[in-house]
Amino acid sequence: MLDEPTANLAPAVARRVLTEVITGLAQGGAAVLLIEQRIALALDVASWVYVLVDGTPRFAGPAAEFRALPDMGAVFFAHSTPPEGAT
């Protein structure tokens, strides 16, 4: 489990941490649970996405499916029902 490993890092360093470290761990056979606020960077290395808002699941599915949502922000900031495709 990596809890915000890119916090307080410059964008280039953050990208390197995610692409090299996390990808390396996964290629070595390790399961990686990544908690990250830099969603665009996280999606580049994720195969699966869970979004919790105030402890409530708002989305669970493949990273490609999450990336394809027309309004990813609605998953995080909407106070009504999750967008279509979200679980």
PDB file of N, CA and C in Angstrom:
ATOM      1  N   MET A   1       0.851  -1.164   0.000  1.00  0.00           N
ATOM      2  CA  MET A   1       0.000   0.000   0.000  1.00  0.00           C
ATOM      3  C   MET A   1       0.897   1.228   0.000  1.00  0.00           C
ATOM      4  N   LEU A   2       0.634   2.106  -0.928  1.00  0.00           N
ATOM      5  CA  LEU A   2       1.363   3.369  -1.029  1.00  0.00           C
ATOM      6  C   LEU A   2       0.354   4.504  -0.876  1.00  0.00           C
ATOM      7  N   ASP A   3       0.501   5.271   0.182  1.00  0.00           N
ATOM      8  CA  ASP A   3      -0.425   6.352   0.480  1.00  0.00           C
ATOM      9  C   ASP A   3       0.188   7.677   0.050  1.00  0.00           C
ATOM     10  N   GLU A   4      -0.277   8.178  -1.077  1.00  0.00           N
ATOM     11  CA  GLU A   4       0.159   9.440  -1.674  1.00  0.00           C
ATOM     12  C   GLU A   4       1.686   9.538  -1.786  1.00  0.00           C
ATOM     13  N   PRO A   5       2.298   8.611  -2.520  1.00  0.00           N
ATOM     14  CA  PRO A   5       3.754   8.637  -2.639  1.00  0.00           C
ATOM     15  C   PRO A   5       4.297   9.852  -3.387  1.00  0.00           C
ATOM     16  N   THR A   6       3.434  10.586  -4.081  1.00  0.00           N
ATOM     17  CA  THR A   6       3.911  11.747  -4.833  1.00  0.00           C
ATOM     18  C   THR A   6       3.668  13.071  -4.105  1.00  0.00           C
ATOM     19  N   ALA A   7       3.167  13.009  -2.879  1.00  0.00           N
ATOM     20  CA  ALA A   7       2.897  14.238  -2.128  1.00  0.00           C
ATOM     21  C   ALA A   7       4.174  15.067  -2.003  1.00  0.00           C
ATOM     22  N   ASN A   8       4.051  16.337  -2.277  1.00  0.00           N
ATOM     23  CA  ASN A   8       5.139  17.320  -2.157  1.00  0.00           C
ATOM     24  C   ASN A   8       6.286  17.095  -3.132  1.00  0.00           C
ATOM     25  N   LEU A   9       6.069  16.309  -4.155  1.00  0.00           N
ATOM     26  CA  LEU A   9       7.099  16.101  -5.165  1.00  0.00           C
ATOM     27  C   LEU A   9       6.827  16.977  -6.383  1.00  0.00           C
ATOM     28  N   ALA A  10       7.880  17.382  -7.051  1.00  0.00           N
ATOM     29  CA  ALA A  10       7.733  18.110  -8.310  1.00  0.00           C
ATOM     30  C   ALA A  10       7.044  17.191  -9.312  1.00  0.00           C
ATOM     31  N   PRO A  11       6.303  17.766 -10.267  1.00  0.00           N
ATOM     32  CA  PRO A  11       5.568  16.934 -11.227  1.00  0.00           C
ATOM     33  C   PRO A  11       6.431  15.899 -11.956  1.00  0.00           C
ATOM     34  N   ALA A  12       7.628  16.269 -12.374  1.00  0.00           N
ATOM     35  CA  ALA A  12       8.481  15.312 -13.089  1.00  0.00           C
ATOM     36  C   ALA A  12       8.915  14.166 -12.177  1.00  0.00           C
ATOM     37  N   VAL A  13       9.218  14.484 -10.928  1.00  0.00           N
ATOM     38  CA  VAL A  13       9.622  13.454  -9.973  1.00  0.00           C
ATOM     39  C   VAL A  13       8.422  12.559  -9.644  1.00  0.00           C
ATOM     40  N   ALA A  14       7.251  13.159  -9.500  1.00  0.00           N
ATOM     41  CA  ALA A  14       6.036  12.390  -9.206  1.00  0.00           C
ATOM     42  C   ALA A  14       5.762  11.392 -10.319  1.00  0.00           C
ATOM     43  N   ARG A  15       5.882  11.844 -11.551  1.00  0.00           N
ATOM     44  CA  ARG A  15       5.658  10.942 -12.698  1.00  0.00           C
ATOM     45  C   ARG A  15       6.669   9.792 -12.670  1.00  0.00           C
ATOM     46  N   ARG A  16       7.905  10.104 -12.366  1.00  0.00           N
ATOM     47  CA  ARG A  16       8.945   9.073 -12.323  1.00  0.00           C
ATOM     48  C   ARG A  16       8.663   8.054 -11.217  1.00  0.00           C
ATOM     49  N   VAL A  17       8.253   8.532 -10.053  1.00  0.00           N
ATOM     50  CA  VAL A  17       7.928   7.630  -8.944  1.00  0.00           C
ATOM     51  C   VAL A  17       6.831   6.660  -9.367  1.00  0.00           C
ATOM     52  N   LEU A  18       5.775   7.197  -9.951  1.00  0.00           N
ATOM     53  CA  LEU A  18       4.662   6.327 -10.324  1.00  0.00           C
ATOM     54  C   LEU A  18       5.030   5.377 -11.453  1.00  0.00           C
ATOM     55  N   THR A  19       5.682   5.878 -12.468  1.00  0.00           N
ATOM     56  CA  THR A  19       5.956   5.009 -13.610  1.00  0.00           C
ATOM     57  C   THR A  19       7.029   3.978 -13.307  1.00  0.00           C
ATOM     58  N   GLU A  20       8.078   4.370 -12.598  1.00  0.00           N
ATOM     59  CA  GLU A  20       9.172   3.421 -12.352  1.00  0.00           C
ATOM     60  C   GLU A  20       8.917   2.527 -11.144  1.00  0.00           C
ATOM     61  N   VAL A  21       8.568   3.118 -10.034  1.00  0.00           N
ATOM     62  CA  VAL A  21       8.429   2.335  -8.808  1.00  0.00           C
ATOM     63  C   VAL A  21       7.199   1.444  -8.856  1.00  0.00           C
ATOM     64  N   ILE A  22       6.057   2.022  -9.144  1.00  0.00           N
ATOM     65  CA  ILE A  22       4.818   1.247  -9.097  1.00  0.00           C
ATOM     66  C   ILE A  22       4.765   0.232 -10.230  1.00  0.00           C
ATOM     67  N   THR A  23       5.154   0.643 -11.409  1.00  0.00           N
ATOM     68  CA  THR A  23       5.177  -0.300 -12.524  1.00  0.00           C
ATOM     69  C   THR A  23       6.157  -1.435 -12.237  1.00  0.00           C
ATOM     70  N   GLY A  24       7.312  -1.112 -11.670  1.00  0.00           N
ATOM     71  CA  GLY A  24       8.292  -2.135 -11.321  1.00  0.00           C
ATOM     72  C   GLY A  24       7.761  -3.124 -10.304  1.00  0.00           C
ATOM     73  N   LEU A  25       7.074  -2.612  -9.280  1.00  0.00           N
ATOM     74  CA  LEU A  25       6.479  -3.501  -8.278  1.00  0.00           C
ATOM     75  C   LEU A  25       5.457  -4.438  -8.923  1.00  0.00           C
ATOM     76  N   ALA A  26       4.599  -3.879  -9.747  1.00  0.00           N
ATOM     77  CA  ALA A  26       3.563  -4.683 -10.396  1.00  0.00           C
ATOM     78  C   ALA A  26       4.178  -5.714 -11.338  1.00  0.00           C
ATOM     79  N   GLN A  27       5.189  -5.333 -12.077  1.00  0.00           N
ATOM     80  CA  GLN A  27       5.845  -6.276 -12.990  1.00  0.00           C
ATOM     81  C   GLN A  27       6.549  -7.390 -12.226  1.00  0.00           C
ATOM     82  N   GLY A  28       6.948  -7.100 -10.999  1.00  0.00           N
ATOM     83  CA  GLY A  28       7.579  -8.109 -10.163  1.00  0.00           C
ATOM     84  C   GLY A  28       6.578  -9.036  -9.498  1.00  0.00           C
ATOM     85  N   GLY A  29       5.297  -8.828  -9.768  1.00  0.00           N
ATOM     86  CA  GLY A  29       4.261  -9.703  -9.243  1.00  0.00           C
ATOM     87  C   GLY A  29       3.563  -9.189  -7.993  1.00  0.00           C
ATOM     88  N   ALA A  30       3.920  -7.996  -7.537  1.00  0.00           N
ATOM     89  CA  ALA A  30       3.298  -7.443  -6.335  1.00  0.00           C
ATOM     90  C   ALA A  30       1.980  -6.751  -6.683  1.00  0.00           C
ATOM     91  N   ALA A  31       0.998  -6.942  -5.838  1.00  0.00           N
ATOM     92  CA  ALA A  31      -0.230  -6.163  -5.952  1.00  0.00           C
ATOM     93  C   ALA A  31       0.048  -4.819  -5.291  1.00  0.00           C
ATOM     94  N   VAL A  32      -0.400  -3.748  -5.908  1.00  0.00           N
ATOM     95  CA  VAL A  32      -0.130  -2.411  -5.390  1.00  0.00           C
ATOM     96  C   VAL A  32      -1.452  -1.691  -5.155  1.00  0.00           C
ATOM     97  N   LEU A  33      -1.668  -1.251  -3.926  1.00  0.00           N
ATOM     98  CA  LEU A  33      -2.800  -0.396  -3.605  1.00  0.00           C
ATOM     99  C   LEU A  33      -2.248   1.010  -3.512  1.00  0.00           C
ATOM    100  N   LEU A  34      -2.666   1.870  -4.421  1.00  0.00           N
ATOM    101  CA  LEU A  34      -2.168   3.236  -4.519  1.00  0.00           C
ATOM    102  C   LEU A  34      -3.259   4.210  -4.115  1.00  0.00           C
ATOM    103  N   ILE A  35      -2.981   5.021  -3.125  1.00  0.00           N
ATOM    104  CA  ILE A  35      -3.877   6.111  -2.744  1.00  0.00           C
ATOM    105  C   ILE A  35      -3.207   7.373  -3.256  1.00  0.00           C
ATOM    106  N   GLU A  36      -3.870   8.073  -4.165  1.00  0.00           N
ATOM    107  CA  GLU A  36      -3.201   9.175  -4.848  1.00  0.00           C
ATOM    108  C   GLU A  36      -4.190  10.254  -5.247  1.00  0.00           C
ATOM    109  N   GLN A  37      -3.788  11.518  -5.076  1.00  0.00           N
ATOM    110  CA  GLN A  37      -4.631  12.636  -5.495  1.00  0.00           C
ATOM    111  C   GLN A  37      -4.362  13.062  -6.934  1.00  0.00           C
ATOM    112  N   ARG A  38      -3.216  12.741  -7.450  1.00  0.00           N
ATOM    113  CA  ARG A  38      -2.882  13.092  -8.844  1.00  0.00           C
ATOM    114  C   ARG A  38      -3.489  12.021  -9.752  1.00  0.00           C
ATOM    115  N   ILE A  39      -4.770  12.177 -10.003  1.00  0.00           N
ATOM    116  CA  ILE A  39      -5.533  11.133 -10.684  1.00  0.00           C
ATOM    117  C   ILE A  39      -5.010  10.848 -12.086  1.00  0.00           C
ATOM    118  N   ALA A  40      -4.603  11.866 -12.824  1.00  0.00           N
ATOM    119  CA  ALA A  40      -4.121  11.635 -14.188  1.00  0.00           C
ATOM    120  C   ALA A  40      -2.877  10.753 -14.182  1.00  0.00           C
ATOM    121  N   LEU A  41      -1.958  11.016 -13.257  1.00  0.00           N
ATOM    122  CA  LEU A  41      -0.756  10.189 -13.157  1.00  0.00           C
ATOM    123  C   LEU A  41      -1.101   8.787 -12.685  1.00  0.00           C
ATOM    124  N   ALA A  42      -1.969   8.694 -11.714  1.00  0.00           N
ATOM    125  CA  ALA A  42      -2.359   7.390 -11.182  1.00  0.00           C
ATOM    126  C   ALA A  42      -3.018   6.529 -12.257  1.00  0.00           C
ATOM    127  N   LEU A  43      -3.837   7.146 -13.091  1.00  0.00           N
ATOM    128  CA  LEU A  43      -4.508   6.388 -14.152  1.00  0.00           C
ATOM    129  C   LEU A  43      -3.518   5.828 -15.173  1.00  0.00           C
ATOM    130  N   ASP A  44      -2.373   6.474 -15.303  1.00  0.00           N
ATOM    131  CA  ASP A  44      -1.364   5.981 -16.249  1.00  0.00           C
ATOM    132  C   ASP A  44      -0.771   4.650 -15.812  1.00  0.00           C
ATOM    133  N   VAL A  45      -0.809   4.353 -14.511  1.00  0.00           N
ATOM    134  CA  VAL A  45      -0.210   3.110 -14.018  1.00  0.00           C
ATOM    135  C   VAL A  45      -1.233   2.141 -13.440  1.00  0.00           C
ATOM    136  N   ALA A  46      -2.466   2.567 -13.331  1.00  0.00           N
ATOM    137  CA  ALA A  46      -3.497   1.730 -12.695  1.00  0.00           C
ATOM    138  C   ALA A  46      -4.156   0.795 -13.700  1.00  0.00           C
ATOM    139  N   SER A  47      -4.529  -0.372 -13.207  1.00  0.00           N
ATOM    140  CA  SER A  47      -5.347  -1.271 -14.019  1.00  0.00           C
ATOM    141  C   SER A  47      -6.793  -1.251 -13.512  1.00  0.00           C
ATOM    142  N   TRP A  48      -6.980  -0.873 -12.263  1.00  0.00           N
ATOM    143  CA  TRP A  48      -8.299  -0.869 -11.632  1.00  0.00           C
ATOM    144  C   TRP A  48      -8.430   0.379 -10.773  1.00  0.00           C
ATOM    145  N   VAL A  49      -9.640   0.923 -10.689  1.00  0.00           N
ATOM    146  CA  VAL A  49      -9.870   2.164  -9.936  1.00  0.00           C
ATOM    147  C   VAL A  49     -11.022   1.983  -8.960  1.00  0.00           C
ATOM    148  N   TYR A  50     -10.782   2.426  -7.741  1.00  0.00           N
ATOM    149  CA  TYR A  50     -11.841   2.573  -6.743  1.00  0.00           C
ATOM    150  C   TYR A  50     -11.846   4.034  -6.323  1.00  0.00           C
ATOM    151  N   VAL A  51     -13.016   4.636  -6.317  1.00  0.00           N
ATOM    152  CA  VAL A  51     -13.144   6.015  -5.838  1.00  0.00           C
ATOM    153  C   VAL A  51     -14.080   5.996  -4.644  1.00  0.00           C
ATOM    154  N   LEU A  52     -13.576   6.499  -3.523  1.00  0.00           N
ATOM    155  CA  LEU A  52     -14.384   6.653  -2.317  1.00  0.00           C
ATOM    156  C   LEU A  52     -14.562   8.144  -2.056  1.00  0.00           C
ATOM    157  N   VAL A  53     -15.783   8.543  -1.776  1.00  0.00           N
ATOM    158  CA  VAL A  53     -16.077   9.920  -1.406  1.00  0.00           C
ATOM    159  C   VAL A  53     -16.756   9.877  -0.051  1.00  0.00           C
ATOM    160  N   ASP A  54     -16.123  10.465   0.938  1.00  0.00           N
ATOM    161  CA  ASP A  54     -16.632  10.428   2.313  1.00  0.00           C
ATOM    162  C   ASP A  54     -16.905   8.993   2.753  1.00  0.00           C
ATOM    163  N   GLY A  55     -16.026   8.079   2.338  1.00  0.00           N
ATOM    164  CA  GLY A  55     -16.153   6.679   2.733  1.00  0.00           C
ATOM    165  C   GLY A  55     -17.165   5.879   1.942  1.00  0.00           C
ATOM    166  N   THR A  56     -17.820   6.515   0.989  1.00  0.00           N
ATOM    167  CA  THR A  56     -18.833   5.844   0.170  1.00  0.00           C
ATOM    168  C   THR A  56     -18.254   5.503  -1.201  1.00  0.00           C
ATOM    169  N   PRO A  57     -18.358   4.253  -1.636  1.00  0.00           N
ATOM    170  CA  PRO A  57     -17.861   3.900  -2.970  1.00  0.00           C
ATOM    171  C   PRO A  57     -18.645   4.645  -4.049  1.00  0.00           C
ATOM    172  N   ARG A  58     -17.926   5.334  -4.930  1.00  0.00           N
ATOM    173  CA  ARG A  58     -18.555   6.071  -6.026  1.00  0.00           C
ATOM    174  C   ARG A  58     -18.238   5.454  -7.385  1.00  0.00           C
ATOM    175  N   PHE A  59     -17.151   4.679  -7.440  1.00  0.00           N
ATOM    176  CA  PHE A  59     -16.792   4.017  -8.694  1.00  0.00           C
ATOM    177  C   PHE A  59     -15.891   2.839  -8.362  1.00  0.00           C
ATOM    178  N   ALA A  60     -16.062   1.758  -9.087  1.00  0.00           N
ATOM    179  CA  ALA A  60     -15.163   0.605  -9.022  1.00  0.00           C
ATOM    180  C   ALA A  60     -15.166  -0.032 -10.396  1.00  0.00           C
ATOM    181  N   GLY A  61     -14.003  -0.080 -11.018  1.00  0.00           N
ATOM    182  CA  GLY A  61     -13.936  -0.671 -12.341  1.00  0.00           C
ATOM    183  C   GLY A  61     -12.572  -0.487 -12.972  1.00  0.00           C
ATOM    184  N   PRO A  62     -12.429  -0.960 -14.192  1.00  0.00           N
ATOM    185  CA  PRO A  62     -11.160  -0.831 -14.897  1.00  0.00           C
ATOM    186  C   PRO A  62     -10.762   0.635 -15.082  1.00  0.00           C
ATOM    187  N   ALA A  63      -9.455   0.896 -15.043  1.00  0.00           N
ATOM    188  CA  ALA A  63      -8.961   2.262 -15.211  1.00  0.00           C
ATOM    189  C   ALA A  63      -9.408   2.846 -16.552  1.00  0.00           C
ATOM    190  N   ALA A  64      -9.405   2.036 -17.592  1.00  0.00           N
ATOM    191  CA  ALA A  64      -9.820   2.524 -18.912  1.00  0.00           C
ATOM    192  C   ALA A  64     -11.279   2.970 -18.898  1.00  0.00           C
ATOM    193  N   GLU A  65     -12.110   2.253 -18.168  1.00  0.00           N
ATOM    194  CA  GLU A  65     -13.525   2.620 -18.061  1.00  0.00           C
ATOM    195  C   GLU A  65     -13.680   3.951 -17.315  1.00  0.00           C
ATOM    196  N   PHE A  66     -12.910   4.113 -16.248  1.00  0.00           N
ATOM    197  CA  PHE A  66     -12.972   5.369 -15.499  1.00  0.00           C
ATOM    198  C   PHE A  66     -12.490   6.529 -16.366  1.00  0.00           C
ATOM    199  N   ARG A  67     -11.388   6.315 -17.074  1.00  0.00           N
ATOM    200  CA  ARG A  67     -10.830   7.364 -17.932  1.00  0.00           C
ATOM    201  C   ARG A  67     -11.824   7.765 -19.030  1.00  0.00           C
ATOM    202  N   ALA A  68     -12.660   6.831 -19.473  1.00  0.00           N
ATOM    203  CA  ALA A  68     -13.620   7.092 -20.549  1.00  0.00           C
ATOM    204  C   ALA A  68     -14.878   7.814 -20.091  1.00  0.00           C
ATOM    205  N   LEU A  69     -15.052   7.974 -18.783  1.00  0.00           N
ATOM    206  CA  LEU A  69     -16.242   8.686 -18.305  1.00  0.00           C
ATOM    207  C   LEU A  69     -16.255  10.093 -18.881  1.00  0.00           C
ATOM    208  N   PRO A  70     -17.409  10.575 -19.326  1.00  0.00           N
ATOM    209  CA  PRO A  70     -17.466  11.912 -19.914  1.00  0.00           C
ATOM    210  C   PRO A  70     -17.145  13.016 -18.902  1.00  0.00           C
ATOM    211  N   ASP A  71     -17.394  12.765 -17.620  1.00  0.00           N
ATOM    212  CA  ASP A  71     -17.130  13.777 -16.591  1.00  0.00           C
ATOM    213  C   ASP A  71     -16.620  13.088 -15.328  1.00  0.00           C
ATOM    214  N   MET A  72     -15.298  12.840 -15.284  1.00  0.00           N
ATOM    215  CA  MET A  72     -14.723  12.184 -14.111  1.00  0.00           C
ATOM    216  C   MET A  72     -14.966  12.993 -12.843  1.00  0.00           C
ATOM    217  N   GLY A  73     -14.994  14.298 -12.958  1.00  0.00           N
ATOM    218  CA  GLY A  73     -15.204  15.164 -11.803  1.00  0.00           C
ATOM    219  C   GLY A  73     -16.527  14.912 -11.117  1.00  0.00           C
ATOM    220  N   ALA A  74     -17.524  14.480 -11.873  1.00  0.00           N
ATOM    221  CA  ALA A  74     -18.836  14.206 -11.281  1.00  0.00           C
ATOM    222  C   ALA A  74     -18.751  13.069 -10.269  1.00  0.00           C
ATOM    223  N   VAL A  75     -17.840  12.136 -10.482  1.00  0.00           N
ATOM    224  CA  VAL A  75     -17.676  11.029  -9.544  1.00  0.00           C
ATOM    225  C   VAL A  75     -17.200  11.570  -8.190  1.00  0.00           C
ATOM    226  N   PHE A  76     -16.302  12.543  -8.228  1.00  0.00           N
ATOM    227  CA  PHE A  76     -15.725  13.085  -7.004  1.00  0.00           C
ATOM    228  C   PHE A  76     -16.590  14.143  -6.340  1.00  0.00           C
ATOM    229  N   PHE A  77     -17.225  14.991  -7.140  1.00  0.00           N
ATOM    230  CA  PHE A  77     -17.851  16.188  -6.578  1.00  0.00           C
ATOM    231  C   PHE A  77     -19.369  16.201  -6.588  1.00  0.00           C
ATOM    232  N   ALA A  78     -20.001  15.291  -7.303  1.00  0.00           N
ATOM    233  CA  ALA A  78     -21.464  15.275  -7.353  1.00  0.00           C
ATOM    234  C   ALA A  78     -22.018  14.811  -6.010  1.00  0.00           C
ATOM    235  N   HIS A  79     -23.068  15.443  -5.585  1.00  0.00           N
ATOM    236  CA  HIS A  79     -23.680  15.069  -4.310  1.00  0.00           C
ATOM    237  C   HIS A  79     -24.938  14.223  -4.523  1.00  0.00           C
ATOM    238  N   SER A  80     -25.234  13.948  -5.779  1.00  0.00           N
ATOM    239  CA  SER A  80     -26.388  13.105  -6.074  1.00  0.00           C
ATOM    240  C   SER A  80     -25.907  11.703  -6.414  1.00  0.00           C
ATOM    241  N   THR A  81     -26.595  11.061  -7.314  1.00  0.00           N
ATOM    242  CA  THR A  81     -26.235   9.688  -7.669  1.00  0.00           C
ATOM    243  C   THR A  81     -24.975   9.706  -8.542  1.00  0.00           C
ATOM    244  N   PRO A  82     -24.180   8.652  -8.476  1.00  0.00           N
ATOM    245  CA  PRO A  82     -22.990   8.557  -9.310  1.00  0.00           C
ATOM    246  C   PRO A  82     -23.368   8.578 -10.788  1.00  0.00           C
ATOM    247  N   PRO A  83     -22.451   9.015 -11.666  1.00  0.00           N
ATOM    248  CA  PRO A  83     -22.749   9.023 -13.094  1.00  0.00           C
ATOM    249  C   PRO A  83     -22.934   7.613 -13.627  1.00  0.00           C
ATOM    250  N   GLU A  84     -23.585   7.514 -14.774  1.00  0.00           N
ATOM    251  CA  GLU A  84     -23.807   6.208 -15.400  1.00  0.00           C
ATOM    252  C   GLU A  84     -22.459   5.536 -15.622  1.00  0.00           C
ATOM    253  N   GLY A  85     -22.374   4.281 -15.308  1.00  0.00           N
ATOM    254  CA  GLY A  85     -21.134   3.531 -15.443  1.00  0.00           C
ATOM    255  C   GLY A  85     -20.391   3.418 -14.133  1.00  0.00           C
ATOM    256  N   ALA A  86     -20.709   4.276 -13.197  1.00  0.00           N
ATOM    257  CA  ALA A  86     -20.070   4.210 -11.878  1.00  0.00           C
ATOM    258  C   ALA A  86     -20.855   3.223 -11.026  1.00  0.00           C
ATOM    259  N   THR A  87     -20.191   2.641 -10.034  1.00  0.00           N
ATOM    260  CA  THR A  87     -20.872   1.699  -9.164  1.00  0.00           C
ATOM    261  C   THR A  87     -20.842   2.197  -7.744  1.00  0.00           C
TER     262      THR A  87
END
